[in-house]
Amino acid sequence: MVNSIPVITIDGPSGSGKGTLGHLLAHALAWHFLDSGAIYRALAFVALATNAPLDDEQALAILAENLDVTFKVAAAGQPPQTVINGIDATAEIRSEICGTTASKIAAFPAVRQALLERQRQFRQLPGLVTDGRDMGSVVFPDAPLKVFLSATVAERARRRYQQLKERGINVSLDALCIELAERDRRDEQREIAPLKPMPDAMIIDTTGLSIQEVLQKVEKRARELFS
């Protein structure tokens, strides 16, 4: 019965707009939302808060299996809240230490497997919208609607530059281009779950498109499929 619950997966490289599209679409459809990229950060947050040994793969896997995390989409245009053990930890999981810890614990196969199963538990009625890099290829390969967003490196770097500038952070646009290109290379060439569109994915090049234009395209397809 769980597999009959509709899922929309949104994959793509960093800066393609998948996160923003994901929570806007979830709000429009009144569906659940899963920010897959925040899952590892949420686990890192819990591990640090409970002083869990960060080199103990099995202990971390048990934490992952029991991870109490939800993503609340309160209003259109507002980023979702990451709620861990009933507490809003949206800001905390974006800290440098959570990011570094998340990267370390993600290397453990048992942790990855536990979080894979945990992500699948988000599949609940009336439906789920999820974004990431392997949502359609690994986590929900049977999703009726798979979306893959792309954009040029220059466009994605410009978006990231603008975001950081609005936060008062000074960065080099050229450096961002180099960083994104290198990240693309790593994501596309990794042995486990490489970044790539599935054959049945709806592929959208978001270069030159507004987020509302992308949302309209995907929401139209979703309503055609699930109405």
N, C-alpha and C. Protein backbone atom coordinates (compact mmCIF):
# COMPACT_ATOMS: atom_id res chain seq x y z
N MET A 1 0.82 -1.21 0.00
CA MET A 1 0.00 0.00 0.00
C MET A 1 0.86 1.26 0.00
N VAL A 2 2.01 1.20 0.67
CA VAL A 2 2.88 2.37 0.73
C VAL A 2 3.32 2.79 -0.65
N ASN A 3 3.63 1.80 -1.51
CA ASN A 3 4.12 2.11 -2.84
C ASN A 3 3.06 2.77 -3.72
N SER A 4 1.79 2.75 -3.28
CA SER A 4 0.74 3.40 -4.05
C SER A 4 0.64 4.89 -3.72
N ILE A 5 1.34 5.34 -2.68
CA ILE A 5 1.33 6.75 -2.30
C ILE A 5 2.19 7.53 -3.28
N PRO A 6 1.64 8.59 -3.89
CA PRO A 6 2.40 9.31 -4.92
C PRO A 6 3.62 10.04 -4.36
N VAL A 7 4.68 10.03 -5.16
CA VAL A 7 5.92 10.72 -4.81
C VAL A 7 6.40 11.51 -6.02
N ILE A 8 6.84 12.73 -5.77
CA ILE A 8 7.48 13.53 -6.81
C ILE A 8 8.92 13.76 -6.37
N THR A 9 9.87 13.28 -7.14
CA THR A 9 11.28 13.48 -6.81
C THR A 9 11.85 14.61 -7.66
N ILE A 10 12.67 15.43 -7.04
CA ILE A 10 13.31 16.54 -7.74
C ILE A 10 14.81 16.44 -7.50
N ASP A 11 15.55 16.07 -8.52
CA ASP A 11 17.00 15.92 -8.42
C ASP A 11 17.69 16.97 -9.31
N GLY A 12 18.97 17.14 -9.05
CA GLY A 12 19.73 18.07 -9.87
C GLY A 12 20.96 18.54 -9.14
N PRO A 13 21.86 19.20 -9.84
CA PRO A 13 23.10 19.69 -9.23
C PRO A 13 22.84 20.87 -8.30
N SER A 14 23.84 21.20 -7.52
CA SER A 14 23.75 22.32 -6.59
C SER A 14 23.46 23.62 -7.34
N GLY A 15 22.48 24.38 -6.85
CA GLY A 15 22.15 25.66 -7.46
C GLY A 15 21.16 25.59 -8.59
N SER A 16 20.62 24.40 -8.86
CA SER A 16 19.66 24.27 -9.96
C SER A 16 18.25 24.71 -9.57
N GLY A 17 18.02 24.91 -8.27
CA GLY A 17 16.72 25.39 -7.81
C GLY A 17 15.83 24.30 -7.24
N LYS A 18 16.37 23.10 -7.05
CA LYS A 18 15.52 21.98 -6.64
C LYS A 18 14.93 22.15 -5.24
N GLY A 19 15.69 22.73 -4.32
CA GLY A 19 15.19 22.91 -2.97
C GLY A 19 14.01 23.88 -2.92
N THR A 20 14.18 25.01 -3.58
CA THR A 20 13.11 26.02 -3.62
C THR A 20 11.88 25.46 -4.32
N LEU A 21 12.10 24.80 -5.46
CA LEU A 21 10.98 24.20 -6.18
C LEU A 21 10.28 23.17 -5.30
N GLY A 22 11.06 22.38 -4.57
CA GLY A 22 10.49 21.32 -3.76
C GLY A 22 9.50 21.82 -2.73
N HIS A 23 9.90 22.82 -1.93
CA HIS A 23 8.96 23.24 -0.89
C HIS A 23 7.82 24.09 -1.44
N LEU A 24 8.04 24.78 -2.56
CA LEU A 24 6.92 25.50 -3.19
C LEU A 24 5.89 24.53 -3.74
N LEU A 25 6.37 23.45 -4.35
CA LEU A 25 5.47 22.45 -4.91
C LEU A 25 4.71 21.72 -3.81
N ALA A 26 5.42 21.37 -2.73
CA ALA A 26 4.77 20.70 -1.60
C ALA A 26 3.67 21.58 -1.02
N HIS A 27 3.93 22.88 -0.93
CA HIS A 27 2.93 23.81 -0.41
C HIS A 27 1.73 23.89 -1.35
N ALA A 28 2.01 23.98 -2.66
CA ALA A 28 0.93 24.09 -3.65
C ALA A 28 0.02 22.87 -3.65
N LEU A 29 0.61 21.68 -3.47
CA LEU A 29 -0.16 20.44 -3.49
C LEU A 29 -0.67 20.04 -2.11
N ALA A 30 -0.18 20.71 -1.06
CA ALA A 30 -0.49 20.35 0.33
C ALA A 30 -0.02 18.93 0.63
N TRP A 31 1.19 18.61 0.17
CA TRP A 31 1.81 17.30 0.40
C TRP A 31 2.92 17.44 1.43
N HIS A 32 3.43 16.29 1.86
CA HIS A 32 4.58 16.26 2.76
C HIS A 32 5.83 16.63 1.96
N PHE A 33 6.88 17.06 2.70
CA PHE A 33 8.12 17.47 2.05
C PHE A 33 9.31 16.83 2.75
N LEU A 34 10.26 16.37 1.97
CA LEU A 34 11.50 15.80 2.50
C LEU A 34 12.69 16.52 1.88
N ASP A 35 13.46 17.18 2.73
CA ASP A 35 14.71 17.80 2.31
C ASP A 35 15.81 16.78 2.57
N SER A 36 16.17 16.01 1.56
CA SER A 36 17.11 14.91 1.77
C SER A 36 18.49 15.40 2.19
N GLY A 37 18.86 16.58 1.72
CA GLY A 37 20.17 17.12 2.07
C GLY A 37 20.28 17.47 3.54
N ALA A 38 19.14 17.76 4.17
CA ALA A 38 19.15 18.12 5.59
C ALA A 38 19.14 16.91 6.50
N ILE A 39 18.86 15.72 5.94
CA ILE A 39 18.78 14.51 6.77
C ILE A 39 20.12 14.22 7.46
N TYR A 40 21.21 14.28 6.70
CA TYR A 40 22.52 14.00 7.28
C TYR A 40 22.92 15.08 8.29
N ARG A 41 22.54 16.32 8.02
CA ARG A 41 22.82 17.39 8.97
C ARG A 41 22.01 17.20 10.25
N ALA A 42 20.77 16.74 10.10
CA ALA A 42 19.94 16.49 11.27
C ALA A 42 20.53 15.38 12.14
N LEU A 43 21.03 14.34 11.48
CA LEU A 43 21.68 13.26 12.23
C LEU A 43 22.94 13.78 12.93
N ALA A 44 23.70 14.61 12.24
CA ALA A 44 24.90 15.19 12.84
C ALA A 44 24.53 16.03 14.07
N PHE A 45 23.46 16.79 13.96
CA PHE A 45 22.99 17.62 15.07
C PHE A 45 22.67 16.75 16.30
N VAL A 46 21.95 15.65 16.08
CA VAL A 46 21.58 14.75 17.18
C VAL A 46 22.82 14.08 17.76
N ALA A 47 23.71 13.65 16.87
CA ALA A 47 24.94 12.98 17.35
C ALA A 47 25.76 13.92 18.22
N LEU A 48 25.89 15.17 17.81
CA LEU A 48 26.66 16.14 18.59
C LEU A 48 25.96 16.47 19.90
N ALA A 49 24.63 16.60 19.85
CA ALA A 49 23.87 16.96 21.05
C ALA A 49 23.89 15.86 22.10
N THR A 50 24.02 14.61 21.65
CA THR A 50 24.00 13.47 22.59
C THR A 50 25.40 12.94 22.87
N ASN A 51 26.41 13.63 22.34
CA ASN A 51 27.82 13.21 22.52
C ASN A 51 28.05 11.78 22.02
N ALA A 52 27.38 11.42 20.94
CA ALA A 52 27.58 10.09 20.36
C ALA A 52 28.98 9.98 19.77
N PRO A 53 29.61 8.83 19.88
CA PRO A 53 30.95 8.66 19.30
C PRO A 53 30.88 8.72 17.78
N LEU A 54 31.56 9.67 17.20
CA LEU A 54 31.45 9.91 15.77
C LEU A 54 32.23 8.91 14.92
N ASP A 55 32.94 7.98 15.58
CA ASP A 55 33.66 6.94 14.86
C ASP A 55 33.01 5.57 15.04
N ASP A 56 31.83 5.55 15.69
CA ASP A 56 31.12 4.29 15.95
C ASP A 56 29.99 4.14 14.94
N GLU A 57 30.27 3.41 13.86
CA GLU A 57 29.32 3.28 12.76
C GLU A 57 27.98 2.71 13.22
N GLN A 58 27.99 1.67 14.03
CA GLN A 58 26.74 1.03 14.45
C GLN A 58 25.92 1.93 15.37
N ALA A 59 26.59 2.63 16.26
CA ALA A 59 25.87 3.55 17.15
C ALA A 59 25.20 4.67 16.35
N LEU A 60 25.90 5.17 15.36
CA LEU A 60 25.34 6.22 14.50
C LEU A 60 24.19 5.69 13.66
N ALA A 61 24.31 4.43 13.21
CA ALA A 61 23.25 3.82 12.42
C ALA A 61 21.97 3.68 13.25
N ILE A 62 22.12 3.34 14.53
CA ILE A 62 20.95 3.23 15.41
C ILE A 62 20.30 4.60 15.61
N LEU A 63 21.13 5.64 15.76
CA LEU A 63 20.59 7.00 15.85
C LEU A 63 19.82 7.35 14.59
N ALA A 64 20.37 6.95 13.43
CA ALA A 64 19.73 7.24 12.15
C ALA A 64 18.38 6.55 12.03
N GLU A 65 18.31 5.31 12.47
CA GLU A 65 17.07 4.54 12.40
C GLU A 65 15.96 5.20 13.20
N ASN A 66 16.33 5.86 14.28
CA ASN A 66 15.35 6.45 15.19
C ASN A 66 15.31 7.97 15.11
N LEU A 67 15.83 8.52 14.03
CA LEU A 67 15.91 9.96 13.88
C LEU A 67 14.51 10.57 13.81
N ASP A 68 14.21 11.44 14.77
CA ASP A 68 12.91 12.11 14.84
C ASP A 68 13.04 13.48 14.18
N VAL A 69 12.78 13.52 12.88
CA VAL A 69 12.91 14.77 12.13
C VAL A 69 11.75 14.93 11.17
N THR A 70 11.22 16.13 11.09
CA THR A 70 10.16 16.45 10.13
C THR A 70 10.49 17.79 9.48
N PHE A 71 9.89 18.02 8.32
CA PHE A 71 10.08 19.27 7.60
C PHE A 71 8.72 19.93 7.42
N LYS A 72 8.56 21.11 8.00
CA LYS A 72 7.29 21.80 7.98
C LYS A 72 7.32 22.95 6.97
N VAL A 73 6.44 22.87 5.99
CA VAL A 73 6.30 23.94 5.00
C VAL A 73 5.15 24.82 5.46
N ALA A 74 5.48 25.96 6.05
CA ALA A 74 4.46 26.81 6.66
C ALA A 74 3.75 27.69 5.64
N ALA A 75 4.50 28.28 4.71
CA ALA A 75 3.91 29.20 3.75
C ALA A 75 4.73 29.21 2.47
N ALA A 76 4.04 29.51 1.37
CA ALA A 76 4.72 29.57 0.08
C ALA A 76 5.80 30.64 0.11
N GLY A 77 6.97 30.29 -0.40
CA GLY A 77 8.06 31.25 -0.46
C GLY A 77 8.93 31.26 0.78
N GLN A 78 8.47 30.61 1.85
CA GLN A 78 9.25 30.53 3.07
C GLN A 78 9.96 29.18 3.15
N PRO A 79 11.24 29.16 3.50
CA PRO A 79 11.94 27.87 3.59
C PRO A 79 11.31 27.00 4.67
N PRO A 80 11.32 25.68 4.48
CA PRO A 80 10.71 24.79 5.47
C PRO A 80 11.51 24.76 6.77
N GLN A 81 10.80 24.49 7.85
CA GLN A 81 11.46 24.33 9.14
C GLN A 81 11.92 22.89 9.29
N THR A 82 13.11 22.71 9.84
CA THR A 82 13.60 21.38 10.19
C THR A 82 13.37 21.18 11.68
N VAL A 83 12.46 20.28 12.02
CA VAL A 83 12.09 20.06 13.41
C VAL A 83 12.66 18.73 13.88
N ILE A 84 13.53 18.78 14.87
CA ILE A 84 14.19 17.59 15.41
C ILE A 84 13.78 17.41 16.86
N ASN A 85 13.21 16.25 17.15
CA ASN A 85 12.72 15.98 18.51
C ASN A 85 11.81 17.10 19.01
N GLY A 86 10.97 17.61 18.10
CA GLY A 86 10.01 18.64 18.46
C GLY A 86 10.56 20.04 18.55
N ILE A 87 11.85 20.22 18.25
CA ILE A 87 12.49 21.54 18.36
C ILE A 87 12.90 22.04 16.97
N ASP A 88 12.64 23.31 16.71
CA ASP A 88 13.04 23.91 15.44
C ASP A 88 14.55 24.06 15.42
N ALA A 89 15.20 23.26 14.58
CA ALA A 89 16.66 23.28 14.50
C ALA A 89 17.12 23.74 13.11
N THR A 90 16.28 24.50 12.43
CA THR A 90 16.57 24.93 11.06
C THR A 90 17.92 25.65 10.96
N ALA A 91 18.15 26.59 11.86
CA ALA A 91 19.39 27.36 11.82
C ALA A 91 20.57 26.52 12.30
N GLU A 92 20.35 25.73 13.35
CA GLU A 92 21.44 24.97 13.96
C GLU A 92 22.06 23.96 13.01
N ILE A 93 21.25 23.31 12.17
CA ILE A 93 21.81 22.28 11.30
C ILE A 93 22.64 22.88 10.17
N ARG A 94 22.53 24.19 9.97
CA ARG A 94 23.31 24.84 8.91
C ARG A 94 24.65 25.34 9.42
N SER A 95 24.97 25.06 10.67
CA SER A 95 26.24 25.50 11.22
C SER A 95 27.39 24.74 10.56
N GLU A 96 28.57 25.31 10.66
CA GLU A 96 29.75 24.71 10.05
C GLU A 96 30.05 23.34 10.66
N ILE A 97 29.89 23.23 11.98
CA ILE A 97 30.21 21.97 12.64
C ILE A 97 29.23 20.86 12.24
N CYS A 98 27.96 21.22 12.04
CA CYS A 98 26.99 20.21 11.59
C CYS A 98 27.32 19.76 10.17
N GLY A 99 27.73 20.70 9.34
CA GLY A 99 28.08 20.35 7.97
C GLY A 99 29.29 19.44 7.90
N THR A 100 30.31 19.76 8.69
CA THR A 100 31.53 18.96 8.73
C THR A 100 31.24 17.56 9.28
N THR A 101 30.46 17.51 10.35
CA THR A 101 30.12 16.22 10.96
C THR A 101 29.27 15.38 10.02
N ALA A 102 28.33 16.01 9.34
CA ALA A 102 27.47 15.29 8.41
C ALA A 102 28.30 14.64 7.30
N SER A 103 29.29 15.37 6.81
CA SER A 103 30.16 14.83 5.77
C SER A 103 30.93 13.60 6.25
N LYS A 104 31.35 13.63 7.50
CA LYS A 104 32.11 12.51 8.06
C LYS A 104 31.24 11.27 8.24
N ILE A 105 30.07 11.44 8.85
CA ILE A 105 29.24 10.28 9.15
C ILE A 105 28.58 9.71 7.91
N ALA A 106 28.49 10.52 6.86
CA ALA A 106 27.88 10.04 5.62
C ALA A 106 28.76 8.99 4.93
N ALA A 107 30.00 8.88 5.36
CA ALA A 107 30.92 7.91 4.75
C ALA A 107 30.67 6.49 5.24
N PHE A 108 29.89 6.33 6.31
CA PHE A 108 29.63 4.99 6.86
C PHE A 108 28.48 4.32 6.10
N PRO A 109 28.73 3.14 5.50
CA PRO A 109 27.66 2.43 4.76
C PRO A 109 26.43 2.14 5.60
N ALA A 110 26.61 1.74 6.86
CA ALA A 110 25.47 1.41 7.72
C ALA A 110 24.61 2.64 7.99
N VAL A 111 25.25 3.80 8.10
CA VAL A 111 24.52 5.05 8.31
C VAL A 111 23.72 5.40 7.06
N ARG A 112 24.35 5.26 5.90
CA ARG A 112 23.67 5.56 4.64
C ARG A 112 22.46 4.65 4.44
N GLN A 113 22.61 3.37 4.77
CA GLN A 113 21.51 2.43 4.62
C GLN A 113 20.36 2.78 5.58
N ALA A 114 20.71 3.11 6.82
CA ALA A 114 19.69 3.47 7.80
C ALA A 114 18.94 4.73 7.39
N LEU A 115 19.66 5.71 6.87
CA LEU A 115 19.01 6.95 6.46
C LEU A 115 18.21 6.76 5.17
N LEU A 116 18.63 5.80 4.35
CA LEU A 116 17.85 5.48 3.15
C LEU A 116 16.46 4.99 3.57
N GLU A 117 16.43 4.06 4.52
CA GLU A 117 15.15 3.55 5.01
C GLU A 117 14.36 4.63 5.73
N ARG A 118 15.06 5.49 6.47
CA ARG A 118 14.38 6.58 7.19
C ARG A 118 13.72 7.53 6.20
N GLN A 119 14.39 7.82 5.09
CA GLN A 119 13.82 8.73 4.09
C GLN A 119 12.56 8.13 3.48
N ARG A 120 12.57 6.83 3.27
CA ARG A 120 11.40 6.18 2.67
C ARG A 120 10.18 6.22 3.58
N GLN A 121 10.41 6.40 4.88
CA GLN A 121 9.30 6.50 5.82
C GLN A 121 8.53 7.82 5.67
N PHE A 122 9.10 8.76 4.95
CA PHE A 122 8.40 10.03 4.72
C PHE A 122 7.28 9.87 3.69
N ARG A 123 7.22 8.73 3.05
CA ARG A 123 6.19 8.48 2.03
C ARG A 123 4.85 8.23 2.72
N GLN A 124 4.08 9.29 2.88
CA GLN A 124 2.80 9.24 3.58
C GLN A 124 1.75 9.99 2.76
N LEU A 125 0.49 9.63 2.99
CA LEU A 125 -0.61 10.30 2.31
C LEU A 125 -0.71 11.75 2.78
N PRO A 126 -1.11 12.66 1.90
CA PRO A 126 -1.63 12.42 0.54
C PRO A 126 -0.54 12.25 -0.53
N GLY A 127 0.71 12.57 -0.18
CA GLY A 127 1.81 12.41 -1.14
C GLY A 127 3.06 13.07 -0.60
N LEU A 128 4.17 12.86 -1.31
CA LEU A 128 5.46 13.38 -0.86
C LEU A 128 6.20 14.06 -2.01
N VAL A 129 6.76 15.23 -1.71
CA VAL A 129 7.69 15.90 -2.62
C VAL A 129 9.06 15.86 -1.96
N THR A 130 10.06 15.43 -2.68
CA THR A 130 11.39 15.33 -2.10
C THR A 130 12.46 15.81 -3.08
N ASP A 131 13.48 16.46 -2.55
CA ASP A 131 14.56 16.93 -3.43
C ASP A 131 15.90 16.39 -2.97
N GLY A 132 16.82 16.25 -3.91
CA GLY A 132 18.15 15.75 -3.58
C GLY A 132 18.97 15.50 -4.82
N ARG A 133 19.81 14.46 -4.75
CA ARG A 133 20.65 14.11 -5.90
C ARG A 133 20.41 12.69 -6.37
N ASP A 134 19.78 11.86 -5.51
CA ASP A 134 19.51 10.48 -5.93
C ASP A 134 18.11 10.05 -5.52
N MET A 135 17.20 11.01 -5.41
CA MET A 135 15.84 10.68 -4.98
C MET A 135 15.12 9.80 -6.00
N GLY A 136 15.25 10.14 -7.28
CA GLY A 136 14.58 9.37 -8.32
C GLY A 136 15.32 8.13 -8.73
N SER A 137 16.63 8.11 -8.52
CA SER A 137 17.43 6.96 -8.96
C SER A 137 17.59 5.89 -7.89
N VAL A 138 17.65 6.29 -6.61
CA VAL A 138 17.94 5.34 -5.54
C VAL A 138 16.83 5.27 -4.49
N VAL A 139 16.43 6.41 -3.96
CA VAL A 139 15.51 6.40 -2.81
C VAL A 139 14.09 6.05 -3.22
N PHE A 140 13.59 6.68 -4.27
CA PHE A 140 12.23 6.40 -4.75
C PHE A 140 12.24 6.12 -6.25
N PRO A 141 12.85 5.01 -6.66
CA PRO A 141 12.95 4.72 -8.10
C PRO A 141 11.60 4.45 -8.76
N ASP A 142 10.56 4.19 -7.96
CA ASP A 142 9.24 3.93 -8.53
C ASP A 142 8.36 5.17 -8.52
N ALA A 143 8.92 6.34 -8.21
CA ALA A 143 8.13 7.57 -8.18
C ALA A 143 7.45 7.81 -9.53
N PRO A 144 6.16 8.10 -9.53
CA PRO A 144 5.45 8.33 -10.79
C PRO A 144 5.91 9.57 -11.54
N LEU A 145 6.42 10.56 -10.79
CA LEU A 145 6.92 11.78 -11.44
C LEU A 145 8.31 12.09 -10.92
N LYS A 146 9.27 11.98 -11.81
CA LYS A 146 10.65 12.32 -11.49
C LYS A 146 11.01 13.59 -12.27
N VAL A 147 11.58 14.55 -11.57
CA VAL A 147 12.00 15.81 -12.18
C VAL A 147 13.51 15.94 -12.01
N PHE A 148 14.16 16.37 -13.07
CA PHE A 148 15.61 16.62 -13.00
C PHE A 148 15.85 18.03 -13.50
N LEU A 149 16.35 18.88 -12.59
CA LEU A 149 16.64 20.27 -12.95
C LEU A 149 18.11 20.44 -13.31
N SER A 150 18.37 21.26 -14.29
CA SER A 150 19.75 21.58 -14.64
C SER A 150 19.84 23.08 -14.91
N ALA A 151 21.05 23.57 -15.01
CA ALA A 151 21.31 24.97 -15.36
C ALA A 151 22.80 25.06 -15.62
N THR A 152 23.21 26.06 -16.35
CA THR A 152 24.64 26.21 -16.62
C THR A 152 25.38 26.52 -15.32
N VAL A 153 26.66 26.19 -15.29
CA VAL A 153 27.47 26.50 -14.11
C VAL A 153 27.46 28.00 -13.85
N ALA A 154 27.55 28.80 -14.90
CA ALA A 154 27.56 30.25 -14.73
C ALA A 154 26.28 30.76 -14.09
N GLU A 155 25.15 30.19 -14.51
CA GLU A 155 23.86 30.61 -13.95
C GLU A 155 23.74 30.20 -12.49
N ARG A 156 24.16 28.98 -12.18
CA ARG A 156 24.06 28.49 -10.79
C ARG A 156 25.01 29.26 -9.87
N ALA A 157 26.18 29.60 -10.39
CA ALA A 157 27.13 30.39 -9.60
C ALA A 157 26.56 31.79 -9.34
N ARG A 158 25.92 32.36 -10.34
CA ARG A 158 25.32 33.69 -10.18
C ARG A 158 24.25 33.68 -9.09
N ARG A 159 23.42 32.63 -9.09
CA ARG A 159 22.37 32.52 -8.07
C ARG A 159 22.98 32.41 -6.68
N ARG A 160 23.99 31.56 -6.57
CA ARG A 160 24.64 31.37 -5.28
C ARG A 160 25.32 32.66 -4.83
N TYR A 161 25.93 33.35 -5.75
CA TYR A 161 26.59 34.62 -5.45
C TYR A 161 25.59 35.63 -4.90
N GLN A 162 24.42 35.69 -5.54
CA GLN A 162 23.38 36.62 -5.12
C GLN A 162 22.87 36.28 -3.73
N GLN A 163 22.68 34.98 -3.45
CA GLN A 163 22.23 34.56 -2.14
C GLN A 163 23.21 34.96 -1.05
N LEU A 164 24.47 34.70 -1.29
CA LEU A 164 25.50 35.03 -0.31
C LEU A 164 25.64 36.54 -0.13
N LYS A 165 25.52 37.26 -1.22
CA LYS A 165 25.62 38.72 -1.16
C LYS A 165 24.50 39.30 -0.31
N GLU A 166 23.29 38.73 -0.45
CA GLU A 166 22.14 39.19 0.35
C GLU A 166 22.35 38.91 1.84
N ARG A 167 23.17 37.93 2.15
CA ARG A 167 23.47 37.62 3.56
C ARG A 167 24.68 38.41 4.07
N GLY A 168 25.23 39.25 3.21
CA GLY A 168 26.37 40.05 3.62
C GLY A 168 27.69 39.31 3.53
N ILE A 169 27.72 38.20 2.76
CA ILE A 169 28.94 37.41 2.62
C ILE A 169 29.60 37.72 1.29
N ASN A 170 30.85 38.14 1.34
CA ASN A 170 31.59 38.48 0.13
C ASN A 170 32.32 37.25 -0.42
N VAL A 171 32.03 36.92 -1.66
CA VAL A 171 32.68 35.79 -2.31
C VAL A 171 33.03 36.17 -3.74
N SER A 172 33.90 35.38 -4.34
CA SER A 172 34.29 35.60 -5.73
C SER A 172 33.39 34.78 -6.64
N LEU A 173 32.82 35.42 -7.65
CA LEU A 173 31.97 34.72 -8.60
C LEU A 173 32.77 33.66 -9.36
N ASP A 174 33.99 33.99 -9.73
CA ASP A 174 34.84 33.03 -10.43
C ASP A 174 35.13 31.81 -9.55
N ALA A 175 35.37 32.05 -8.28
CA ALA A 175 35.65 30.95 -7.35
C ALA A 175 34.43 30.04 -7.21
N LEU A 176 33.23 30.64 -7.19
CA LEU A 176 32.01 29.85 -7.10
C LEU A 176 31.82 28.98 -8.34
N CYS A 177 32.16 29.53 -9.49
CA CYS A 177 32.07 28.75 -10.74
C CYS A 177 32.97 27.52 -10.67
N ILE A 178 34.19 27.73 -10.22
CA ILE A 178 35.15 26.62 -10.11
C ILE A 178 34.66 25.59 -9.10
N GLU A 179 34.14 26.07 -7.97
CA GLU A 179 33.66 25.17 -6.91
C GLU A 179 32.49 24.32 -7.40
N LEU A 180 31.54 24.96 -8.10
CA LEU A 180 30.37 24.22 -8.59
C LEU A 180 30.77 23.20 -9.66
N ALA A 181 31.66 23.58 -10.54
CA ALA A 181 32.11 22.66 -11.59
C ALA A 181 32.79 21.44 -10.98
N GLU A 182 33.58 21.65 -9.94
CA GLU A 182 34.26 20.55 -9.26
C GLU A 182 33.24 19.66 -8.54
N ARG A 183 32.26 20.27 -7.92
CA ARG A 183 31.23 19.49 -7.24
C ARG A 183 30.42 18.66 -8.23
N ASP A 184 30.12 19.23 -9.37
CA ASP A 184 29.42 18.49 -10.43
C ASP A 184 30.22 17.26 -10.83
N ARG A 185 31.53 17.47 -11.02
CA ARG A 185 32.38 16.36 -11.44
C ARG A 185 32.36 15.23 -10.41
N ARG A 186 32.46 15.59 -9.13
CA ARG A 186 32.44 14.57 -8.07
C ARG A 186 31.09 13.85 -8.03
N ASP A 187 30.01 14.61 -8.12
CA ASP A 187 28.67 14.01 -8.03
C ASP A 187 28.39 13.09 -9.21
N GLU A 188 28.85 13.48 -10.39
CA GLU A 188 28.56 12.70 -11.59
C GLU A 188 29.44 11.46 -11.72
N GLN A 189 30.63 11.49 -11.10
CA GLN A 189 31.57 10.39 -11.27
C GLN A 189 31.66 9.46 -10.07
N ARG A 190 30.94 9.75 -8.99
CA ARG A 190 31.04 8.88 -7.81
C ARG A 190 30.46 7.51 -8.12
N GLU A 191 30.98 6.50 -7.47
CA GLU A 191 30.57 5.12 -7.74
C GLU A 191 29.17 4.82 -7.21
N ILE A 192 28.84 5.37 -6.04
CA ILE A 192 27.53 5.12 -5.43
C ILE A 192 26.58 6.26 -5.77
N ALA A 193 25.45 5.91 -6.39
CA ALA A 193 24.39 6.87 -6.71
C ALA A 193 24.90 8.13 -7.40
N PRO A 194 25.54 8.01 -8.56
CA PRO A 194 26.01 9.20 -9.27
C PRO A 194 24.85 10.09 -9.70
N LEU A 195 25.10 11.37 -9.78
CA LEU A 195 24.08 12.32 -10.19
C LEU A 195 23.81 12.17 -11.69
N LYS A 196 22.59 11.78 -12.01
CA LYS A 196 22.21 11.65 -13.41
C LYS A 196 20.69 11.58 -13.51
N PRO A 197 20.12 12.09 -14.61
CA PRO A 197 18.66 11.99 -14.78
C PRO A 197 18.26 10.57 -15.15
N MET A 198 17.14 10.12 -14.64
CA MET A 198 16.62 8.82 -15.01
C MET A 198 15.96 8.91 -16.39
N PRO A 199 15.87 7.79 -17.11
CA PRO A 199 15.29 7.83 -18.46
C PRO A 199 13.87 8.38 -18.51
N ASP A 200 13.12 8.18 -17.42
CA ASP A 200 11.72 8.64 -17.40
C ASP A 200 11.55 9.99 -16.71
N ALA A 201 12.65 10.71 -16.49
CA ALA A 201 12.56 11.98 -15.77
C ALA A 201 12.10 13.12 -16.68
N MET A 202 11.41 14.06 -16.07
CA MET A 202 11.04 15.32 -16.73
C MET A 202 12.23 16.26 -16.53
N ILE A 203 12.97 16.52 -17.60
CA ILE A 203 14.20 17.31 -17.49
C ILE A 203 13.90 18.77 -17.85
N ILE A 204 14.30 19.67 -16.94
CA ILE A 204 14.06 21.10 -17.16
C ILE A 204 15.36 21.86 -16.98
N ASP A 205 15.76 22.58 -18.01
CA ASP A 205 16.92 23.48 -17.91
C ASP A 205 16.38 24.80 -17.36
N THR A 206 16.77 25.14 -16.14
CA THR A 206 16.22 26.33 -15.47
C THR A 206 16.99 27.60 -15.80
N THR A 207 18.00 27.51 -16.65
CA THR A 207 18.76 28.70 -17.04
C THR A 207 17.81 29.71 -17.69
N GLY A 208 17.76 30.90 -17.14
CA GLY A 208 16.91 31.93 -17.71
C GLY A 208 15.45 31.85 -17.30
N LEU A 209 15.08 30.85 -16.50
CA LEU A 209 13.70 30.72 -16.04
C LEU A 209 13.58 31.18 -14.60
N SER A 210 12.44 31.78 -14.27
CA SER A 210 12.17 32.12 -12.88
C SER A 210 11.68 30.88 -12.16
N ILE A 211 11.75 30.88 -10.84
CA ILE A 211 11.28 29.72 -10.07
C ILE A 211 9.79 29.51 -10.27
N GLN A 212 9.04 30.61 -10.47
CA GLN A 212 7.61 30.48 -10.71
C GLN A 212 7.32 29.81 -12.05
N GLU A 213 8.14 30.08 -13.04
CA GLU A 213 7.96 29.43 -14.34
C GLU A 213 8.23 27.93 -14.25
N VAL A 214 9.25 27.57 -13.49
CA VAL A 214 9.56 26.15 -13.30
C VAL A 214 8.45 25.48 -12.51
N LEU A 215 7.98 26.16 -11.46
CA LEU A 215 6.90 25.62 -10.63
C LEU A 215 5.65 25.36 -11.47
N GLN A 216 5.31 26.28 -12.34
CA GLN A 216 4.12 26.12 -13.18
C GLN A 216 4.22 24.87 -14.05
N LYS A 217 5.40 24.63 -14.62
CA LYS A 217 5.59 23.47 -15.48
C LYS A 217 5.39 22.17 -14.69
N VAL A 218 6.02 22.09 -13.52
CA VAL A 218 5.98 20.85 -12.75
C VAL A 218 4.61 20.65 -12.10
N GLU A 219 4.03 21.72 -11.59
CA GLU A 219 2.71 21.59 -10.96
C GLU A 219 1.66 21.16 -11.99
N LYS A 220 1.77 21.68 -13.20
CA LYS A 220 0.83 21.29 -14.26
C LYS A 220 0.93 19.80 -14.53
N ARG A 221 2.16 19.28 -14.64
CA ARG A 221 2.36 17.85 -14.87
C ARG A 221 1.85 17.03 -13.69
N ALA A 222 2.11 17.51 -12.48
CA ALA A 222 1.68 16.78 -11.28
C ALA A 222 0.16 16.68 -11.21
N ARG A 223 -0.52 17.75 -11.50
CA ARG A 223 -1.98 17.74 -11.42
C ARG A 223 -2.58 16.86 -12.52
N GLU A 224 -1.91 16.81 -13.65
CA GLU A 224 -2.36 15.91 -14.72
C GLU A 224 -2.24 14.44 -14.29
N LEU A 225 -1.16 14.13 -13.59
CA LEU A 225 -0.91 12.75 -13.18
C LEU A 225 -1.74 12.32 -11.99
N PHE A 226 -1.94 13.22 -11.03
CA PHE A 226 -2.51 12.81 -9.75
C PHE A 226 -3.91 13.35 -9.47
N SER A 227 -4.50 14.03 -10.43
CA SER A 227 -5.86 14.55 -10.20
C SER A 227 -6.89 13.45 -10.39
